[in-house]
Amino acid sequence: MLPKTPKPALWRFIKGSAKTLFVVEAVCFAASYGVYYRMNTNRGKSKFRQHIHENYPFVLDYYYKIGEIVGDNKARQSDASYWSTLKKSD
């Protein structure tokens, strides 16, 4: 029978780092999908998209760009008209 030799420390470090990177990437993907899903639904009720517009406008700009690239998305114009009617009523 062959004697067992311990694996090099570098190999264990690479395997551990790869597992950690995979988990972090999966969590980031799930979080970004959750934000996209929430921005894509219930504009009027939750006002989440308006909150993003007021606090993180660069995120909303990326959302609009993705929508315009993927399909014929007119969310930018509809949001602007919806928010202007809200401001007029206040």
C-alpha atoms as a PDB file:
ATOM      1  CA  MET A   1       0.000   0.000   0.000  1.00  0.00           C
ATOM      2  CA  LEU A   2       1.212   3.481  -0.849  1.00  0.00           C
ATOM      3  CA  PRO A   3       1.917   5.809   2.044  1.00  0.00           C
ATOM      4  CA  LYS A   4      -0.364   8.853   2.223  1.00  0.00           C
ATOM      5  CA  THR A   5       1.356  12.162   1.803  1.00  0.00           C
ATOM      6  CA  PRO A   6      -0.284  15.403   2.859  1.00  0.00           C
ATOM      7  CA  LYS A   7      -1.429  17.749   0.118  1.00  0.00           C
ATOM      8  CA  PRO A   8       0.633  20.887  -0.295  1.00  0.00           C
ATOM      9  CA  ALA A   9      -0.612  23.934   1.556  1.00  0.00           C
ATOM     10  CA  LEU A  10      -0.812  25.898  -1.682  1.00  0.00           C
ATOM     11  CA  TRP A  11      -3.274  23.413  -3.182  1.00  0.00           C
ATOM     12  CA  ARG A  12      -5.513  23.602  -0.091  1.00  0.00           C
ATOM     13  CA  PHE A  13      -5.392  27.405  -0.251  1.00  0.00           C
ATOM     14  CA  ILE A  14      -6.390  27.409  -3.942  1.00  0.00           C
ATOM     15  CA  LYS A  15      -9.301  25.014  -3.323  1.00  0.00           C
ATOM     16  CA  GLY A  16     -10.529  27.022  -0.338  1.00  0.00           C
ATOM     17  CA  SER A  17     -10.252  30.285  -2.243  1.00  0.00           C
ATOM     18  CA  ALA A  18     -12.157  28.863  -5.215  1.00  0.00           C
ATOM     19  CA  LYS A  19     -14.981  27.653  -2.962  1.00  0.00           C
ATOM     20  CA  THR A  20     -15.167  31.019  -1.210  1.00  0.00           C
ATOM     21  CA  LEU A  21     -15.162  32.892  -4.507  1.00  0.00           C
ATOM     22  CA  PHE A  22     -17.970  30.692  -5.841  1.00  0.00           C
ATOM     23  CA  VAL A  23     -20.132  31.313  -2.773  1.00  0.00           C
ATOM     24  CA  VAL A  24     -19.514  35.078  -2.830  1.00  0.00           C
ATOM     25  CA  GLU A  25     -20.322  35.233  -6.539  1.00  0.00           C
ATOM     26  CA  ALA A  26     -23.557  33.269  -6.045  1.00  0.00           C
ATOM     27  CA  VAL A  27     -24.643  35.573  -3.206  1.00  0.00           C
ATOM     28  CA  CYS A  28     -23.878  38.686  -5.278  1.00  0.00           C
ATOM     29  CA  PHE A  29     -25.812  37.290  -8.235  1.00  0.00           C
ATOM     30  CA  ALA A  30     -28.815  36.487  -6.048  1.00  0.00           C
ATOM     31  CA  ALA A  31     -28.752  39.966  -4.485  1.00  0.00           C
ATOM     32  CA  SER A  32     -28.505  41.720  -7.848  1.00  0.00           C
ATOM     33  CA  TYR A  33     -31.374  39.640  -9.232  1.00  0.00           C
ATOM     34  CA  GLY A  34     -33.452  40.475  -6.167  1.00  0.00           C
ATOM     35  CA  VAL A  35     -32.887  44.203  -6.658  1.00  0.00           C
ATOM     36  CA  TYR A  36     -33.659  43.912 -10.386  1.00  0.00           C
ATOM     37  CA  TYR A  37     -36.844  41.956  -9.684  1.00  0.00           C
ATOM     38  CA  ARG A  38     -38.007  44.462  -7.092  1.00  0.00           C
ATOM     39  CA  MET A  39     -37.292  47.377  -9.424  1.00  0.00           C
ATOM     40  CA  ASN A  40     -39.122  45.632 -12.251  1.00  0.00           C
ATOM     41  CA  THR A  41     -42.369  45.104 -10.299  1.00  0.00           C
ATOM     42  CA  ASN A  42     -44.768  47.255  -8.302  1.00  0.00           C
ATOM     43  CA  ARG A  43     -43.584  50.715  -9.291  1.00  0.00           C
ATOM     44  CA  GLY A  44     -46.647  52.453  -7.883  1.00  0.00           C
ATOM     45  CA  LYS A  45     -47.208  50.530  -4.657  1.00  0.00           C
ATOM     46  CA  SER A  46     -43.746  50.091  -3.179  1.00  0.00           C
ATOM     47  CA  LYS A  47     -42.079  53.171  -4.708  1.00  0.00           C
ATOM     48  CA  PHE A  48     -38.809  51.264  -4.592  1.00  0.00           C
ATOM     49  CA  ARG A  49     -37.771  52.534  -8.013  1.00  0.00           C
ATOM     50  CA  GLN A  50     -38.421  56.121  -6.919  1.00  0.00           C
ATOM     51  CA  HIS A  51     -36.312  55.529  -3.798  1.00  0.00           C
ATOM     52  CA  ILE A  52     -33.481  54.223  -5.984  1.00  0.00           C
ATOM     53  CA  HIS A  53     -33.898  57.250  -8.259  1.00  0.00           C
ATOM     54  CA  GLU A  54     -33.549  59.664  -5.356  1.00  0.00           C
ATOM     55  CA  ASN A  55     -30.658  57.918  -3.560  1.00  0.00           C
ATOM     56  CA  TYR A  56     -28.777  55.852  -6.189  1.00  0.00           C
ATOM     57  CA  PRO A  57     -29.437  57.346  -9.644  1.00  0.00           C
ATOM     58  CA  PHE A  58     -26.533  55.470 -11.265  1.00  0.00           C
ATOM     59  CA  VAL A  59     -28.186  52.124 -10.405  1.00  0.00           C
ATOM     60  CA  LEU A  60     -31.443  53.222 -12.021  1.00  0.00           C
ATOM     61  CA  ASP A  61     -29.556  54.406 -15.099  1.00  0.00           C
ATOM     62  CA  TYR A  62     -28.029  50.931 -15.515  1.00  0.00           C
ATOM     63  CA  TYR A  63     -31.489  49.405 -15.061  1.00  0.00           C
ATOM     64  CA  TYR A  64     -32.863  51.606 -17.848  1.00  0.00           C
ATOM     65  CA  LYS A  65     -29.919  50.826 -20.138  1.00  0.00           C
ATOM     66  CA  ILE A  66     -30.345  47.069 -19.680  1.00  0.00           C
ATOM     67  CA  GLY A  67     -34.055  47.383 -20.411  1.00  0.00           C
ATOM     68  CA  GLU A  68     -33.381  49.380 -23.566  1.00  0.00           C
ATOM     69  CA  ILE A  69     -30.765  46.909 -24.809  1.00  0.00           C
ATOM     70  CA  VAL A  70     -32.782  43.765 -24.069  1.00  0.00           C
ATOM     71  CA  GLY A  71     -36.095  44.983 -25.454  1.00  0.00           C
ATOM     72  CA  ASP A  72     -38.219  47.943 -26.307  1.00  0.00           C
ATOM     73  CA  ASN A  73     -38.485  49.185 -22.743  1.00  0.00           C
ATOM     74  CA  LYS A  74     -40.025  52.599 -22.181  1.00  0.00           C
ATOM     75  CA  ALA A  75     -39.621  52.565 -18.404  1.00  0.00           C
ATOM     76  CA  ARG A  76     -37.553  55.752 -18.331  1.00  0.00           C
ATOM     77  CA  GLN A  77     -40.288  57.826 -19.987  1.00  0.00           C
ATOM     78  CA  SER A  78     -43.130  56.248 -18.009  1.00  0.00           C
ATOM     79  CA  ASP A  79     -41.288  56.771 -14.705  1.00  0.00           C
ATOM     80  CA  ALA A  80     -40.568  60.403 -15.521  1.00  0.00           C
ATOM     81  CA  SER A  81     -44.204  61.107 -16.374  1.00  0.00           C
ATOM     82  CA  TYR A  82     -45.450  59.194 -13.313  1.00  0.00           C
ATOM     83  CA  TRP A  83     -43.115  61.013 -10.932  1.00  0.00           C
ATOM     84  CA  SER A  84     -43.944  64.414 -12.456  1.00  0.00           C
ATOM     85  CA  THR A  85     -47.656  63.787 -11.790  1.00  0.00           C
ATOM     86  CA  LEU A  86     -46.823  62.876  -8.199  1.00  0.00           C
ATOM     87  CA  LYS A  87     -44.864  66.104  -7.737  1.00  0.00           C
ATOM     88  CA  LYS A  88     -47.715  68.171  -9.212  1.00  0.00           C
ATOM     89  CA  SER A  89     -50.249  66.637  -6.835  1.00  0.00           C
ATOM     90  CA  ASP A  90     -48.098  67.365  -3.738  1.00  0.00           C
END
